[in-house]
Amino acid sequence: MPIHVHVSKAESEMKFDLVYEGGKLLRIDIKKISGKETLSKNDINDAIELIKTHHEDICRKWTDFFVMGKQISVEKISKKI
């Protein structure tokens, strides 16, 4: 399972896979979630920018939860920073 984050807005939700190579973020792959509406193009672009800015924290929390089995706090972003 690749490192990923779910981004949702209203009834829309998509999964963003973070692909690393040599310890650096190489790309972000976007996946549709079955049964969910897709985000708008603008929302996708906003999500990508946010993920690029916070990818190290996302990676750390993902590893803590999925690899180390630690409890993590979910961060909900309710407006653009």
PDB file of N, CA and C in Angstrom:
ATOM      1  N   MET A   1       0.853  -1.176   0.000  1.00  0.00           N
ATOM      2  CA  MET A   1       0.000   0.000   0.000  1.00  0.00           C
ATOM      3  C   MET A   1       0.901   1.242   0.000  1.00  0.00           C
ATOM      4  N   PRO A   2       0.748   2.094  -1.001  1.00  0.00           N
ATOM      5  CA  PRO A   2       1.585   3.306  -1.050  1.00  0.00           C
ATOM      6  C   PRO A   2       1.145   4.323   0.005  1.00  0.00           C
ATOM      7  N   ILE A   3       2.070   5.199   0.349  1.00  0.00           N
ATOM      8  CA  ILE A   3       1.734   6.306   1.248  1.00  0.00           C
ATOM      9  C   ILE A   3       0.679   7.136   0.535  1.00  0.00           C
ATOM     10  N   HIS A   4      -0.400   7.436   1.252  1.00  0.00           N
ATOM     11  CA  HIS A   4      -1.500   8.160   0.609  1.00  0.00           C
ATOM     12  C   HIS A   4      -2.248   9.013   1.622  1.00  0.00           C
ATOM     13  N   VAL A   5      -3.048   9.904   1.080  1.00  0.00           N
ATOM     14  CA  VAL A   5      -3.914  10.748   1.891  1.00  0.00           C
ATOM     15  C   VAL A   5      -5.243  10.884   1.153  1.00  0.00           C
ATOM     16  N   HIS A   6      -6.326  10.918   1.920  1.00  0.00           N
ATOM     17  CA  HIS A   6      -7.651  11.125   1.341  1.00  0.00           C
ATOM     18  C   HIS A   6      -8.002  12.601   1.473  1.00  0.00           C
ATOM     19  N   VAL A   7      -8.562  13.154   0.408  1.00  0.00           N
ATOM     20  CA  VAL A   7      -9.000  14.548   0.410  1.00  0.00           C
ATOM     21  C   VAL A   7     -10.486  14.551   0.066  1.00  0.00           C
ATOM     22  N   SER A   8     -11.268  15.204   0.928  1.00  0.00           N
ATOM     23  CA  SER A   8     -12.707  15.260   0.682  1.00  0.00           C
ATOM     24  C   SER A   8     -13.215  16.685   0.821  1.00  0.00           C
ATOM     25  N   LYS A   9     -14.277  16.939   0.102  1.00  0.00           N
ATOM     26  CA  LYS A   9     -14.976  18.224   0.171  1.00  0.00           C
ATOM     27  C   LYS A   9     -16.424  17.935  -0.172  1.00  0.00           C
ATOM     28  N   ALA A  10     -17.306  18.279   0.748  1.00  0.00           N
ATOM     29  CA  ALA A  10     -18.733  17.986   0.591  1.00  0.00           C
ATOM     30  C   ALA A  10     -18.893  16.488   0.309  1.00  0.00           C
ATOM     31  N   GLU A  11     -19.510  16.123  -0.794  1.00  0.00           N
ATOM     32  CA  GLU A  11     -19.744  14.715  -1.127  1.00  0.00           C
ATOM     33  C   GLU A  11     -18.621  14.108  -1.970  1.00  0.00           C
ATOM     34  N   SER A  12     -17.606  14.893  -2.280  1.00  0.00           N
ATOM     35  CA  SER A  12     -16.520  14.443  -3.146  1.00  0.00           C
ATOM     36  C   SER A  12     -15.336  13.975  -2.315  1.00  0.00           C
ATOM     37  N   GLU A  13     -14.651  12.951  -2.806  1.00  0.00           N
ATOM     38  CA  GLU A  13     -13.451  12.448  -2.133  1.00  0.00           C
ATOM     39  C   GLU A  13     -12.572  11.738  -3.141  1.00  0.00           C
ATOM     40  N   MET A  14     -11.257  11.953  -3.010  1.00  0.00           N
ATOM     41  CA  MET A  14     -10.284  11.270  -3.852  1.00  0.00           C
ATOM     42  C   MET A  14      -9.079  10.883  -3.002  1.00  0.00           C
ATOM     43  N   LYS A  15      -8.332   9.919  -3.503  1.00  0.00           N
ATOM     44  CA  LYS A  15      -7.136   9.447  -2.819  1.00  0.00           C
ATOM     45  C   LYS A  15      -5.915   9.929  -3.595  1.00  0.00           C
ATOM     46  N   PHE A  16      -4.927  10.436  -2.867  1.00  0.00           N
ATOM     47  CA  PHE A  16      -3.698  10.940  -3.475  1.00  0.00           C
ATOM     48  C   PHE A  16      -2.541  10.086  -2.964  1.00  0.00           C
ATOM     49  N   ASP A  17      -1.907   9.326  -3.876  1.00  0.00           N
ATOM     50  CA  ASP A  17      -0.761   8.481  -3.535  1.00  0.00           C
ATOM     51  C   ASP A  17       0.519   9.303  -3.697  1.00  0.00           C
ATOM     52  N   LEU A  18       1.361   9.282  -2.669  1.00  0.00           N
ATOM     53  CA  LEU A  18       2.635   9.994  -2.716  1.00  0.00           C
ATOM     54  C   LEU A  18       3.712   9.001  -3.141  1.00  0.00           C
ATOM     55  N   VAL A  19       4.361   9.277  -4.245  1.00  0.00           N
ATOM     56  CA  VAL A  19       5.375   8.373  -4.786  1.00  0.00           C
ATOM     57  C   VAL A  19       6.747   9.008  -4.552  1.00  0.00           C
ATOM     58  N   TYR A  20       7.561   8.276  -3.783  1.00  0.00           N
ATOM     59  CA  TYR A  20       8.897   8.749  -3.444  1.00  0.00           C
ATOM     60  C   TYR A  20       9.951   7.944  -4.188  1.00  0.00           C
ATOM     61  N   GLU A  21      11.051   8.603  -4.485  1.00  0.00           N
ATOM     62  CA  GLU A  21      12.212   7.929  -5.047  1.00  0.00           C
ATOM     63  C   GLU A  21      13.449   8.577  -4.444  1.00  0.00           C
ATOM     64  N   GLY A  22      14.301   7.765  -3.864  1.00  0.00           N
ATOM     65  CA  GLY A  22      15.511   8.297  -3.242  1.00  0.00           C
ATOM     66  C   GLY A  22      15.208   9.265  -2.106  1.00  0.00           C
ATOM     67  N   GLY A  23      14.076   9.050  -1.429  1.00  0.00           N
ATOM     68  CA  GLY A  23      13.709   9.915  -0.306  1.00  0.00           C
ATOM     69  C   GLY A  23      13.082  11.238  -0.703  1.00  0.00           C
ATOM     70  N   LYS A  24      12.867  11.446  -1.996  1.00  0.00           N
ATOM     71  CA  LYS A  24      12.263  12.692  -2.469  1.00  0.00           C
ATOM     72  C   LYS A  24      10.908  12.406  -3.098  1.00  0.00           C
ATOM     73  N   LEU A  25       9.985  13.349  -2.907  1.00  0.00           N
ATOM     74  CA  LEU A  25       8.670  13.216  -3.520  1.00  0.00           C
ATOM     75  C   LEU A  25       8.816  13.331  -5.030  1.00  0.00           C
ATOM     76  N   LEU A  26       8.504  12.250  -5.727  1.00  0.00           N
ATOM     77  CA  LEU A  26       8.657  12.206  -7.181  1.00  0.00           C
ATOM     78  C   LEU A  26       7.398  12.689  -7.883  1.00  0.00           C
ATOM     79  N   ARG A  27       6.233  12.182  -7.393  1.00  0.00           N
ATOM     80  CA  ARG A  27       4.969  12.583  -8.007  1.00  0.00           C
ATOM     81  C   ARG A  27       3.822  12.241  -7.063  1.00  0.00           C
ATOM     82  N   ILE A  28       2.648  12.744  -7.415  1.00  0.00           N
ATOM     83  CA  ILE A  28       1.424  12.462  -6.677  1.00  0.00           C
ATOM     84  C   ILE A  28       0.433  11.869  -7.680  1.00  0.00           C
ATOM     85  N   ASP A  29       0.032  10.624  -7.433  1.00  0.00           N
ATOM     86  CA  ASP A  29      -0.941   9.954  -8.296  1.00  0.00           C
ATOM     87  C   ASP A  29      -2.328  10.117  -7.681  1.00  0.00           C
ATOM     88  N   ILE A  30      -3.299  10.470  -8.500  1.00  0.00           N
ATOM     89  CA  ILE A  30      -4.657  10.733  -8.030  1.00  0.00           C
ATOM     90  C   ILE A  30      -5.547   9.554  -8.396  1.00  0.00           C
ATOM     91  N   LYS A  31      -6.305   9.080  -7.404  1.00  0.00           N
ATOM     92  CA  LYS A  31      -7.181   7.926  -7.614  1.00  0.00           C
ATOM     93  C   LYS A  31      -8.620   8.270  -7.251  1.00  0.00           C
ATOM     94  N   LYS A  32      -9.540   7.815  -8.087  1.00  0.00           N
ATOM     95  CA  LYS A  32     -10.974   7.955  -7.796  1.00  0.00           C
ATOM     96  C   LYS A  32     -11.359   6.899  -6.770  1.00  0.00           C
ATOM     97  N   ILE A  33     -12.271   7.243  -5.893  1.00  0.00           N
ATOM     98  CA  ILE A  33     -12.768   6.312  -4.893  1.00  0.00           C
ATOM     99  C   ILE A  33     -14.153   5.850  -5.333  1.00  0.00           C
ATOM    100  N   SER A  34     -14.313   4.548  -5.411  1.00  0.00           N
ATOM    101  CA  SER A  34     -15.573   3.971  -5.849  1.00  0.00           C
ATOM    102  C   SER A  34     -16.736   4.471  -4.989  1.00  0.00           C
ATOM    103  N   GLY A  35     -17.791   4.927  -5.638  1.00  0.00           N
ATOM    104  CA  GLY A  35     -18.983   5.379  -4.941  1.00  0.00           C
ATOM    105  C   GLY A  35     -18.936   6.828  -4.491  1.00  0.00           C
ATOM    106  N   LYS A  36     -17.827   7.504  -4.750  1.00  0.00           N
ATOM    107  CA  LYS A  36     -17.689   8.911  -4.365  1.00  0.00           C
ATOM    108  C   LYS A  36     -17.582   9.780  -5.609  1.00  0.00           C
ATOM    109  N   GLU A  37     -18.084  10.997  -5.500  1.00  0.00           N
ATOM    110  CA  GLU A  37     -17.907  11.959  -6.582  1.00  0.00           C
ATOM    111  C   GLU A  37     -16.455  12.417  -6.589  1.00  0.00           C
ATOM    112  N   THR A  38     -15.973  12.828  -7.763  1.00  0.00           N
ATOM    113  CA  THR A  38     -14.602  13.327  -7.852  1.00  0.00           C
ATOM    114  C   THR A  38     -14.560  14.807  -7.482  1.00  0.00           C
ATOM    115  N   LEU A  39     -13.411  15.228  -7.005  1.00  0.00           N
ATOM    116  CA  LEU A  39     -13.206  16.642  -6.688  1.00  0.00           C
ATOM    117  C   LEU A  39     -13.152  17.446  -7.988  1.00  0.00           C
ATOM    118  N   SER A  40     -13.447  18.722  -7.886  1.00  0.00           N
ATOM    119  CA  SER A  40     -13.331  19.595  -9.058  1.00  0.00           C
ATOM    120  C   SER A  40     -11.853  19.781  -9.398  1.00  0.00           C
ATOM    121  N   LYS A  41     -11.579  20.219 -10.602  1.00  0.00           N
ATOM    122  CA  LYS A  41     -10.195  20.472 -11.042  1.00  0.00           C
ATOM    123  C   LYS A  41      -9.507  21.452 -10.097  1.00  0.00           C
ATOM    124  N   ASN A  42     -10.209  22.521  -9.703  1.00  0.00           N
ATOM    125  CA  ASN A  42      -9.624  23.498  -8.790  1.00  0.00           C
ATOM    126  C   ASN A  42      -9.320  22.879  -7.431  1.00  0.00           C
ATOM    127  N   ASP A  43     -10.233  22.050  -6.921  1.00  0.00           N
ATOM    128  CA  ASP A  43     -10.006  21.394  -5.636  1.00  0.00           C
ATOM    129  C   ASP A  43      -8.843  20.405  -5.714  1.00  0.00           C
ATOM    130  N   ILE A  44      -8.710  19.713  -6.832  1.00  0.00           N
ATOM    131  CA  ILE A  44      -7.579  18.802  -7.025  1.00  0.00           C
ATOM    132  C   ILE A  44      -6.273  19.589  -7.012  1.00  0.00           C
ATOM    133  N   ASN A  45      -6.233  20.686  -7.738  1.00  0.00           N
ATOM    134  CA  ASN A  45      -5.018  21.513  -7.771  1.00  0.00           C
ATOM    135  C   ASN A  45      -4.681  22.055  -6.390  1.00  0.00           C
ATOM    136  N   ASP A  46      -5.691  22.515  -5.640  1.00  0.00           N
ATOM    137  CA  ASP A  46      -5.467  22.997  -4.273  1.00  0.00           C
ATOM    138  C   ASP A  46      -4.921  21.882  -3.386  1.00  0.00           C
ATOM    139  N   ALA A  47      -5.488  20.675  -3.535  1.00  0.00           N
ATOM    140  CA  ALA A  47      -5.044  19.533  -2.728  1.00  0.00           C
ATOM    141  C   ALA A  47      -3.597  19.182  -3.039  1.00  0.00           C
ATOM    142  N   ILE A  48      -3.240  19.182  -4.306  1.00  0.00           N
ATOM    143  CA  ILE A  48      -1.863  18.868  -4.696  1.00  0.00           C
ATOM    144  C   ILE A  48      -0.887  19.860  -4.093  1.00  0.00           C
ATOM    145  N   GLU A  49      -1.209  21.131  -4.138  1.00  0.00           N
ATOM    146  CA  GLU A  49      -0.330  22.146  -3.557  1.00  0.00           C
ATOM    147  C   GLU A  49      -0.190  21.956  -2.047  1.00  0.00           C
ATOM    148  N   LEU A  50      -1.290  21.654  -1.386  1.00  0.00           N
ATOM    149  CA  LEU A  50      -1.271  21.421   0.055  1.00  0.00           C
ATOM    150  C   LEU A  50      -0.442  20.176   0.396  1.00  0.00           C
ATOM    151  N   ILE A  51      -0.611  19.125  -0.386  1.00  0.00           N
ATOM    152  CA  ILE A  51       0.144  17.895  -0.170  1.00  0.00           C
ATOM    153  C   ILE A  51       1.634  18.134  -0.397  1.00  0.00           C
ATOM    154  N   LYS A  52       1.992  18.858  -1.445  1.00  0.00           N
ATOM    155  CA  LYS A  52       3.411  19.169  -1.688  1.00  0.00           C
ATOM    156  C   LYS A  52       4.017  19.918  -0.513  1.00  0.00           C
ATOM    157  N   THR A  53       3.253  20.837   0.054  1.00  0.00           N
ATOM    158  CA  THR A  53       3.741  21.631   1.178  1.00  0.00           C
ATOM    159  C   THR A  53       3.914  20.788   2.438  1.00  0.00           C
ATOM    160  N   HIS A  54       3.016  19.827   2.653  1.00  0.00           N
ATOM    161  CA  HIS A  54       2.989  19.067   3.908  1.00  0.00           C
ATOM    162  C   HIS A  54       3.348  17.589   3.735  1.00  0.00           C
ATOM    163  N   HIS A  55       3.976  17.218   2.631  1.00  0.00           N
ATOM    164  CA  HIS A  55       4.207  15.799   2.357  1.00  0.00           C
ATOM    165  C   HIS A  55       5.070  15.116   3.417  1.00  0.00           C
ATOM    166  N   GLU A  56       5.997  15.822   4.027  1.00  0.00           N
ATOM    167  CA  GLU A  56       6.839  15.199   5.051  1.00  0.00           C
ATOM    168  C   GLU A  56       6.004  14.817   6.278  1.00  0.00           C
ATOM    169  N   ASP A  57       5.105  15.690   6.697  1.00  0.00           N
ATOM    170  CA  ASP A  57       4.223  15.387   7.827  1.00  0.00           C
ATOM    171  C   ASP A  57       3.262  14.243   7.478  1.00  0.00           C
ATOM    172  N   ILE A  58       2.740  14.260   6.258  1.00  0.00           N
ATOM    173  CA  ILE A  58       1.840  13.197   5.809  1.00  0.00           C
ATOM    174  C   ILE A  58       2.571  11.862   5.844  1.00  0.00           C
ATOM    175  N   CYS A  59       3.782  11.830   5.329  1.00  0.00           N
ATOM    176  CA  CYS A  59       4.583  10.609   5.290  1.00  0.00           C
ATOM    177  C   CYS A  59       4.867  10.111   6.714  1.00  0.00           C
ATOM    178  N   ARG A  60       5.230  11.012   7.608  1.00  0.00           N
ATOM    179  CA  ARG A  60       5.525  10.639   8.997  1.00  0.00           C
ATOM    180  C   ARG A  60       4.299  10.039   9.671  1.00  0.00           C
ATOM    181  N   LYS A  61       3.160  10.701   9.527  1.00  0.00           N
ATOM    182  CA  LYS A  61       1.931  10.204  10.159  1.00  0.00           C
ATOM    183  C   LYS A  61       1.478   8.880   9.543  1.00  0.00           C
ATOM    184  N   TRP A  62       1.597   8.749   8.241  1.00  0.00           N
ATOM    185  CA  TRP A  62       1.224   7.508   7.580  1.00  0.00           C
ATOM    186  C   TRP A  62       2.078   6.364   8.111  1.00  0.00           C
ATOM    187  N   THR A  63       3.390   6.591   8.198  1.00  0.00           N
ATOM    188  CA  THR A  63       4.312   5.571   8.704  1.00  0.00           C
ATOM    189  C   THR A  63       4.013   5.241  10.164  1.00  0.00           C
ATOM    190  N   ASP A  64       3.782   6.272  10.972  1.00  0.00           N
ATOM    191  CA  ASP A  64       3.442   6.039  12.380  1.00  0.00           C
ATOM    192  C   ASP A  64       2.209   5.144  12.498  1.00  0.00           C
ATOM    193  N   PHE A  65       1.192   5.403  11.702  1.00  0.00           N
ATOM    194  CA  PHE A  65      -0.064   4.667  11.802  1.00  0.00           C
ATOM    195  C   PHE A  65       0.034   3.269  11.177  1.00  0.00           C
ATOM    196  N   PHE A  66       0.450   3.195   9.904  1.00  0.00           N
ATOM    197  CA  PHE A  66       0.399   1.932   9.178  1.00  0.00           C
ATOM    198  C   PHE A  66       1.583   1.009   9.463  1.00  0.00           C
ATOM    199  N   VAL A  67       2.740   1.566   9.795  1.00  0.00           N
ATOM    200  CA  VAL A  67       3.921   0.736  10.020  1.00  0.00           C
ATOM    201  C   VAL A  67       4.173   0.521  11.512  1.00  0.00           C
ATOM    202  N   MET A  68       4.121   1.598  12.277  1.00  0.00           N
ATOM    203  CA  MET A  68       4.445   1.524  13.702  1.00  0.00           C
ATOM    204  C   MET A  68       3.239   1.183  14.581  1.00  0.00           C
ATOM    205  N   GLY A  69       2.033   1.282  14.023  1.00  0.00           N
ATOM    206  CA  GLY A  69       0.826   0.955  14.778  1.00  0.00           C
ATOM    207  C   GLY A  69       0.482   1.966  15.854  1.00  0.00           C
ATOM    208  N   LYS A  70       0.970   3.189  15.694  1.00  0.00           N
ATOM    209  CA  LYS A  70       0.699   4.239  16.672  1.00  0.00           C
ATOM    210  C   LYS A  70      -0.639   4.912  16.393  1.00  0.00           C
ATOM    211  N   GLN A  71      -1.231   5.438  17.424  1.00  0.00           N
ATOM    212  CA  GLN A  71      -2.425   6.271  17.258  1.00  0.00           C
ATOM    213  C   GLN A  71      -1.970   7.644  16.776  1.00  0.00           C
ATOM    214  N   ILE A  72      -2.672   8.191  15.837  1.00  0.00           N
ATOM    215  CA  ILE A  72      -2.339   9.531  15.340  1.00  0.00           C
ATOM    216  C   ILE A  72      -3.576  10.398  15.410  1.00  0.00           C
ATOM    217  N   SER A  73      -3.351  11.699  15.394  1.00  0.00           N
ATOM    218  CA  SER A  73      -4.478  12.614  15.352  1.00  0.00           C
ATOM    219  C   SER A  73      -4.755  12.977  13.894  1.00  0.00           C
ATOM    220  N   VAL A  74      -6.018  12.990  13.551  1.00  0.00           N
ATOM    221  CA  VAL A  74      -6.421  13.366  12.203  1.00  0.00           C
ATOM    222  C   VAL A  74      -6.488  14.885  12.141  1.00  0.00           C
ATOM    223  N   GLU A  75      -5.927  15.436  11.088  1.00  0.00           N
ATOM    224  CA  GLU A  75      -5.984  16.886  10.916  1.00  0.00           C
ATOM    225  C   GLU A  75      -6.987  17.200   9.816  1.00  0.00           C
ATOM    226  N   LYS A  76      -7.995  17.941  10.183  1.00  0.00           N
ATOM    227  CA  LYS A  76      -9.010  18.351   9.228  1.00  0.00           C
ATOM    228  C   LYS A  76      -8.743  19.812   8.869  1.00  0.00           C
ATOM    229  N   ILE A  77      -8.574  20.057   7.595  1.00  0.00           N
ATOM    230  CA  ILE A  77      -8.350  21.424   7.117  1.00  0.00           C
ATOM    231  C   ILE A  77      -9.668  21.886   6.516  1.00  0.00           C
ATOM    232  N   SER A  78     -10.268  22.899   7.141  1.00  0.00           N
ATOM    233  CA  SER A  78     -11.591  23.315   6.700  1.00  0.00           C
ATOM    234  C   SER A  78     -11.569  24.556   5.822  1.00  0.00           C
ATOM    235  N   LYS A  79     -10.418  25.150   5.644  1.00  0.00           N
ATOM    236  CA  LYS A  79     -10.307  26.267   4.708  1.00  0.00           C
ATOM    237  C   LYS A  79      -8.893  26.345   4.178  1.00  0.00           C
ATOM    238  N   LYS A  80      -8.746  26.976   3.040  1.00  0.00           N
ATOM    239  CA  LYS A  80      -7.446  27.093   2.403  1.00  0.00           C
ATOM    240  C   LYS A  80      -6.531  27.964   3.276  1.00  0.00           C
ATOM    241  N   ILE A  81      -5.301  27.497   3.425  1.00  0.00           N
ATOM    242  CA  ILE A  81      -4.315  28.253   4.226  1.00  0.00           C
ATOM    243  C   ILE A  81      -3.563  29.189   3.335  1.00  0.00           C
TER     244      ILE A  81
END
